Amino acid sequence: MGLIKEPKNVDFTVQSDPWTEEELKDFRKLMNELKAKNAKRKILPSPQKKKIGV
């Protein structure tokens, strides 16, 4: 397999726009809600098989 070159007049690099204060506020609110939801969920231990002596 060889290298794939970019076609002429096509740019594959993408620079995203910085987030506004309102978008950051919404994102932080969402992350706090998800963290709180996941903290409430208890992780149950997986059932372990008992070894029976032979």
PDB file of N, CA and C in Angstrom:
ATOM      1  N   MET A   1       0.839  -1.170   0.000  1.00  0.00           N
ATOM      2  CA  MET A   1       0.000   0.000   0.000  1.00  0.00           C
ATOM      3  C   MET A   1       0.889   1.240   0.000  1.00  0.00           C
ATOM      4  N   GLY A   2       0.545   2.200  -0.799  1.00  0.00           N
ATOM      5  CA  GLY A   2       1.341   3.413  -0.882  1.00  0.00           C
ATOM      6  C   GLY A   2       0.671   4.564  -0.152  1.00  0.00           C
ATOM      7  N   LEU A   3       1.353   5.688  -0.175  1.00  0.00           N
ATOM      8  CA  LEU A   3       0.799   6.886   0.441  1.00  0.00           C
ATOM      9  C   LEU A   3      -0.310   7.464  -0.439  1.00  0.00           C
ATOM     10  N   ILE A   4      -1.288   8.034   0.199  1.00  0.00           N
ATOM     11  CA  ILE A   4      -2.376   8.678  -0.538  1.00  0.00           C
ATOM     12  C   ILE A   4      -2.127  10.177  -0.487  1.00  0.00           C
ATOM     13  N   LYS A   5      -2.048  10.800  -1.634  1.00  0.00           N
ATOM     14  CA  LYS A   5      -1.800  12.232  -1.691  1.00  0.00           C
ATOM     15  C   LYS A   5      -3.123  12.986  -1.734  1.00  0.00           C
ATOM     16  N   GLU A   6      -3.099  14.211  -1.206  1.00  0.00           N
ATOM     17  CA  GLU A   6      -4.283  15.056  -1.272  1.00  0.00           C
ATOM     18  C   GLU A   6      -4.483  15.505  -2.715  1.00  0.00           C
ATOM     19  N   PRO A   7      -5.706  15.445  -3.190  1.00  0.00           N
ATOM     20  CA  PRO A   7      -5.966  15.986  -4.523  1.00  0.00           C
ATOM     21  C   PRO A   7      -5.718  17.501  -4.534  1.00  0.00           C
ATOM     22  N   LYS A   8      -5.428  18.041  -5.682  1.00  0.00           N
ATOM     23  CA  LYS A   8      -5.207  19.479  -5.782  1.00  0.00           C
ATOM     24  C   LYS A   8      -6.498  20.212  -5.425  1.00  0.00           C
ATOM     25  N   ASN A   9      -6.352  21.339  -4.788  1.00  0.00           N
ATOM     26  CA  ASN A   9      -7.460  22.207  -4.380  1.00  0.00           C
ATOM     27  C   ASN A   9      -8.375  21.571  -3.330  1.00  0.00           C
ATOM     28  N   VAL A  10      -7.880  20.557  -2.623  1.00  0.00           N
ATOM     29  CA  VAL A  10      -8.642  19.938  -1.539  1.00  0.00           C
ATOM     30  C   VAL A  10      -7.758  19.951  -0.304  1.00  0.00           C
ATOM     31  N   ASP A  11      -8.299  20.459   0.805  1.00  0.00           N
ATOM     32  CA  ASP A  11      -7.541  20.538   2.043  1.00  0.00           C
ATOM     33  C   ASP A  11      -8.212  19.653   3.082  1.00  0.00           C
ATOM     34  N   PHE A  12      -7.498  18.634   3.557  1.00  0.00           N
ATOM     35  CA  PHE A  12      -8.076  17.709   4.524  1.00  0.00           C
ATOM     36  C   PHE A  12      -7.873  18.163   5.968  1.00  0.00           C
ATOM     37  N   THR A  13      -7.101  19.214   6.185  1.00  0.00           N
ATOM     38  CA  THR A  13      -6.918  19.702   7.548  1.00  0.00           C
ATOM     39  C   THR A  13      -8.100  20.581   7.920  1.00  0.00           C
ATOM     40  N   VAL A  14      -8.560  20.414   9.154  1.00  0.00           N
ATOM     41  CA  VAL A  14      -9.742  21.134   9.603  1.00  0.00           C
ATOM     42  C   VAL A  14      -9.393  21.844  10.905  1.00  0.00           C
ATOM     43  N   GLN A  15      -9.708  23.099  10.970  1.00  0.00           N
ATOM     44  CA  GLN A  15      -9.558  23.853  12.208  1.00  0.00           C
ATOM     45  C   GLN A  15     -10.945  24.256  12.674  1.00  0.00           C
ATOM     46  N   SER A  16     -11.277  23.852  13.875  1.00  0.00           N
ATOM     47  CA  SER A  16     -12.603  24.175  14.388  1.00  0.00           C
ATOM     48  C   SER A  16     -12.605  25.574  14.985  1.00  0.00           C
ATOM     49  N   ASP A  17     -13.762  26.177  14.989  1.00  0.00           N
ATOM     50  CA  ASP A  17     -13.911  27.501  15.579  1.00  0.00           C
ATOM     51  C   ASP A  17     -13.912  27.375  17.090  1.00  0.00           C
ATOM     52  N   PRO A  18     -13.360  28.343  17.801  1.00  0.00           N
ATOM     53  CA  PRO A  18     -13.406  28.288  19.266  1.00  0.00           C
ATOM     54  C   PRO A  18     -14.845  28.394  19.768  1.00  0.00           C
ATOM     55  N   TRP A  19     -15.106  27.765  20.914  1.00  0.00           N
ATOM     56  CA  TRP A  19     -16.445  27.773  21.480  1.00  0.00           C
ATOM     57  C   TRP A  19     -16.741  29.123  22.105  1.00  0.00           C
ATOM     58  N   THR A  20     -18.003  29.521  22.027  1.00  0.00           N
ATOM     59  CA  THR A  20     -18.436  30.751  22.691  1.00  0.00           C
ATOM     60  C   THR A  20     -18.634  30.458  24.170  1.00  0.00           C
ATOM     61  N   GLU A  21     -18.748  31.508  24.946  1.00  0.00           N
ATOM     62  CA  GLU A  21     -18.972  31.336  26.388  1.00  0.00           C
ATOM     63  C   GLU A  21     -20.276  30.588  26.652  1.00  0.00           C
ATOM     64  N   GLU A  22     -21.299  30.852  25.850  1.00  0.00           N
ATOM     65  CA  GLU A  22     -22.581  30.168  26.027  1.00  0.00           C
ATOM     66  C   GLU A  22     -22.447  28.675  25.729  1.00  0.00           C
ATOM     67  N   GLU A  23     -21.718  28.323  24.681  1.00  0.00           N
ATOM     68  CA  GLU A  23     -21.506  26.914  24.349  1.00  0.00           C
ATOM     69  C   GLU A  23     -20.702  26.215  25.431  1.00  0.00           C
ATOM     70  N   LEU A  24     -19.686  26.889  25.968  1.00  0.00           N
ATOM     71  CA  LEU A  24     -18.910  26.314  27.069  1.00  0.00           C
ATOM     72  C   LEU A  24     -19.773  26.101  28.306  1.00  0.00           C
ATOM     73  N   LYS A  25     -20.642  27.046  28.583  1.00  0.00           N
ATOM     74  CA  LYS A  25     -21.530  26.942  29.737  1.00  0.00           C
ATOM     75  C   LYS A  25     -22.459  25.737  29.580  1.00  0.00           C
ATOM     76  N   ASP A  26     -23.043  25.570  28.378  1.00  0.00           N
ATOM     77  CA  ASP A  26     -23.926  24.431  28.114  1.00  0.00           C
ATOM     78  C   ASP A  26     -23.172  23.110  28.215  1.00  0.00           C
ATOM     79  N   PHE A  27     -21.953  23.074  27.682  1.00  0.00           N
ATOM     80  CA  PHE A  27     -21.149  21.851  27.718  1.00  0.00           C
ATOM     81  C   PHE A  27     -20.800  21.476  29.154  1.00  0.00           C
ATOM     82  N   ARG A  28     -20.392  22.453  29.940  1.00  0.00           N
ATOM     83  CA  ARG A  28     -20.039  22.172  31.337  1.00  0.00           C
ATOM     84  C   ARG A  28     -21.248  21.692  32.132  1.00  0.00           C
ATOM     85  N   LYS A  29     -22.419  22.272  31.847  1.00  0.00           N
ATOM     86  CA  LYS A  29     -23.651  21.838  32.519  1.00  0.00           C
ATOM     87  C   LYS A  29     -23.964  20.384  32.166  1.00  0.00           C
ATOM     88  N   LEU A  30     -23.848  20.057  30.882  1.00  0.00           N
ATOM     89  CA  LEU A  30     -24.103  18.690  30.436  1.00  0.00           C
ATOM     90  C   LEU A  30     -23.122  17.703  31.076  1.00  0.00           C
ATOM     91  N   MET A  31     -21.831  18.072  31.123  1.00  0.00           N
ATOM     92  CA  MET A  31     -20.837  17.180  31.713  1.00  0.00           C
ATOM     93  C   MET A  31     -21.098  16.967  33.200  1.00  0.00           C
ATOM     94  N   ASN A  32     -21.486  18.009  33.909  1.00  0.00           N
ATOM     95  CA  ASN A  32     -21.805  17.859  35.332  1.00  0.00           C
ATOM     96  C   ASN A  32     -22.998  16.942  35.538  1.00  0.00           C
ATOM     97  N   GLU A  33     -24.007  17.052  34.673  1.00  0.00           N
ATOM     98  CA  GLU A  33     -25.171  16.174  34.767  1.00  0.00           C
ATOM     99  C   GLU A  33     -24.786  14.717  34.505  1.00  0.00           C
ATOM    100  N   LEU A  34     -23.943  14.490  33.500  1.00  0.00           N
ATOM    101  CA  LEU A  34     -23.511  13.125  33.197  1.00  0.00           C
ATOM    102  C   LEU A  34     -22.673  12.542  34.324  1.00  0.00           C
ATOM    103  N   LYS A  35     -21.801  13.348  34.908  1.00  0.00           N
ATOM    104  CA  LYS A  35     -20.982  12.873  36.028  1.00  0.00           C
ATOM    105  C   LYS A  35     -21.851  12.515  37.224  1.00  0.00           C
ATOM    106  N   ALA A  36     -22.855  13.340  37.495  1.00  0.00           N
ATOM    107  CA  ALA A  36     -23.746  13.070  38.621  1.00  0.00           C
ATOM    108  C   ALA A  36     -24.549  11.791  38.372  1.00  0.00           C
ATOM    109  N   LYS A  37     -25.004  11.615  37.151  1.00  0.00           N
ATOM    110  CA  LYS A  37     -25.773  10.420  36.800  1.00  0.00           C
ATOM    111  C   LYS A  37     -24.914   9.171  36.940  1.00  0.00           C
ATOM    112  N   ASN A  38     -23.678   9.222  36.464  1.00  0.00           N
ATOM    113  CA  ASN A  38     -22.789   8.066  36.537  1.00  0.00           C
ATOM    114  C   ASN A  38     -22.328   7.785  37.955  1.00  0.00           C
ATOM    115  N   ALA A  39     -22.255   8.794  38.790  1.00  0.00           N
ATOM    116  CA  ALA A  39     -21.836   8.594  40.174  1.00  0.00           C
ATOM    117  C   ALA A  39     -22.926   7.845  40.957  1.00  0.00           C
ATOM    118  N   LYS A  40     -24.196   8.044  40.570  1.00  0.00           N
ATOM    119  CA  LYS A  40     -25.302   7.365  41.243  1.00  0.00           C
ATOM    120  C   LYS A  40     -25.353   5.886  40.891  1.00  0.00           C
ATOM    121  N   ARG A  41     -24.912   5.562  39.693  1.00  0.00           N
ATOM    122  CA  ARG A  41     -24.964   4.179  39.224  1.00  0.00           C
ATOM    123  C   ARG A  41     -23.910   3.363  39.972  1.00  0.00           C
ATOM    124  N   LYS A  42     -24.332   2.262  40.558  1.00  0.00           N
ATOM    125  CA  LYS A  42     -23.406   1.401  41.275  1.00  0.00           C
ATOM    126  C   LYS A  42     -22.878   0.345  40.318  1.00  0.00           C
ATOM    127  N   ILE A  43     -21.623   0.061  40.459  1.00  0.00           N
ATOM    128  CA  ILE A  43     -21.020  -0.992  39.646  1.00  0.00           C
ATOM    129  C   ILE A  43     -21.139  -2.302  40.424  1.00  0.00           C
ATOM    130  N   LEU A  44     -21.848  -3.250  39.848  1.00  0.00           N
ATOM    131  CA  LEU A  44     -22.040  -4.534  40.496  1.00  0.00           C
ATOM    132  C   LEU A  44     -20.855  -5.446  40.179  1.00  0.00           C
ATOM    133  N   PRO A  45     -20.367  -6.164  41.184  1.00  0.00           N
ATOM    134  CA  PRO A  45     -19.263  -7.081  40.899  1.00  0.00           C
ATOM    135  C   PRO A  45     -19.743  -8.225  40.005  1.00  0.00           C
ATOM    136  N   SER A  46     -18.853  -8.656  39.137  1.00  0.00           N
ATOM    137  CA  SER A  46     -19.224  -9.750  38.247  1.00  0.00           C
ATOM    138  C   SER A  46     -19.285 -11.046  39.043  1.00  0.00           C
ATOM    139  N   PRO A  47     -20.250 -11.891  38.747  1.00  0.00           N
ATOM    140  CA  PRO A  47     -20.352 -13.160  39.485  1.00  0.00           C
ATOM    141  C   PRO A  47     -19.125 -14.027  39.192  1.00  0.00           C
ATOM    142  N   GLN A  48     -18.547 -14.550  40.253  1.00  0.00           N
ATOM    143  CA  GLN A  48     -17.359 -15.378  40.098  1.00  0.00           C
ATOM    144  C   GLN A  48     -17.759 -16.851  40.209  1.00  0.00           C
ATOM    145  N   LYS A  49     -17.156 -17.637  39.376  1.00  0.00           N
ATOM    146  CA  LYS A  49     -17.434 -19.064  39.406  1.00  0.00           C
ATOM    147  C   LYS A  49     -16.629 -19.683  40.558  1.00  0.00           C
ATOM    148  N   LYS A  50     -17.311 -20.557  41.280  1.00  0.00           N
ATOM    149  CA  LYS A  50     -16.618 -21.246  42.370  1.00  0.00           C
ATOM    150  C   LYS A  50     -15.951 -22.485  41.825  1.00  0.00           C
ATOM    151  N   LYS A  51     -14.725 -22.678  42.254  1.00  0.00           N
ATOM    152  CA  LYS A  51     -14.005 -23.881  41.820  1.00  0.00           C
ATOM    153  C   LYS A  51     -14.359 -25.022  42.754  1.00  0.00           C
ATOM    154  N   ILE A  52     -14.661 -26.143  42.178  1.00  0.00           N
ATOM    155  CA  ILE A  52     -15.004 -27.328  42.957  1.00  0.00           C
ATOM    156  C   ILE A  52     -13.784 -28.234  42.955  1.00  0.00           C
ATOM    157  N   GLY A  53     -13.321 -28.597  44.144  1.00  0.00           N
ATOM    158  CA  GLY A  53     -12.139 -29.452  44.268  1.00  0.00           C
ATOM    159  C   GLY A  53     -12.409 -30.853  43.713  1.00  0.00           C
ATOM    160  N   VAL A  54     -11.407 -31.410  43.090  1.00  0.00           N
ATOM    161  CA  VAL A  54     -11.559 -32.737  42.504  1.00  0.00           C
ATOM    162  C   VAL A  54     -10.998 -33.777  43.409  1.00  0.00           C
TER     163      VAL A  54
END
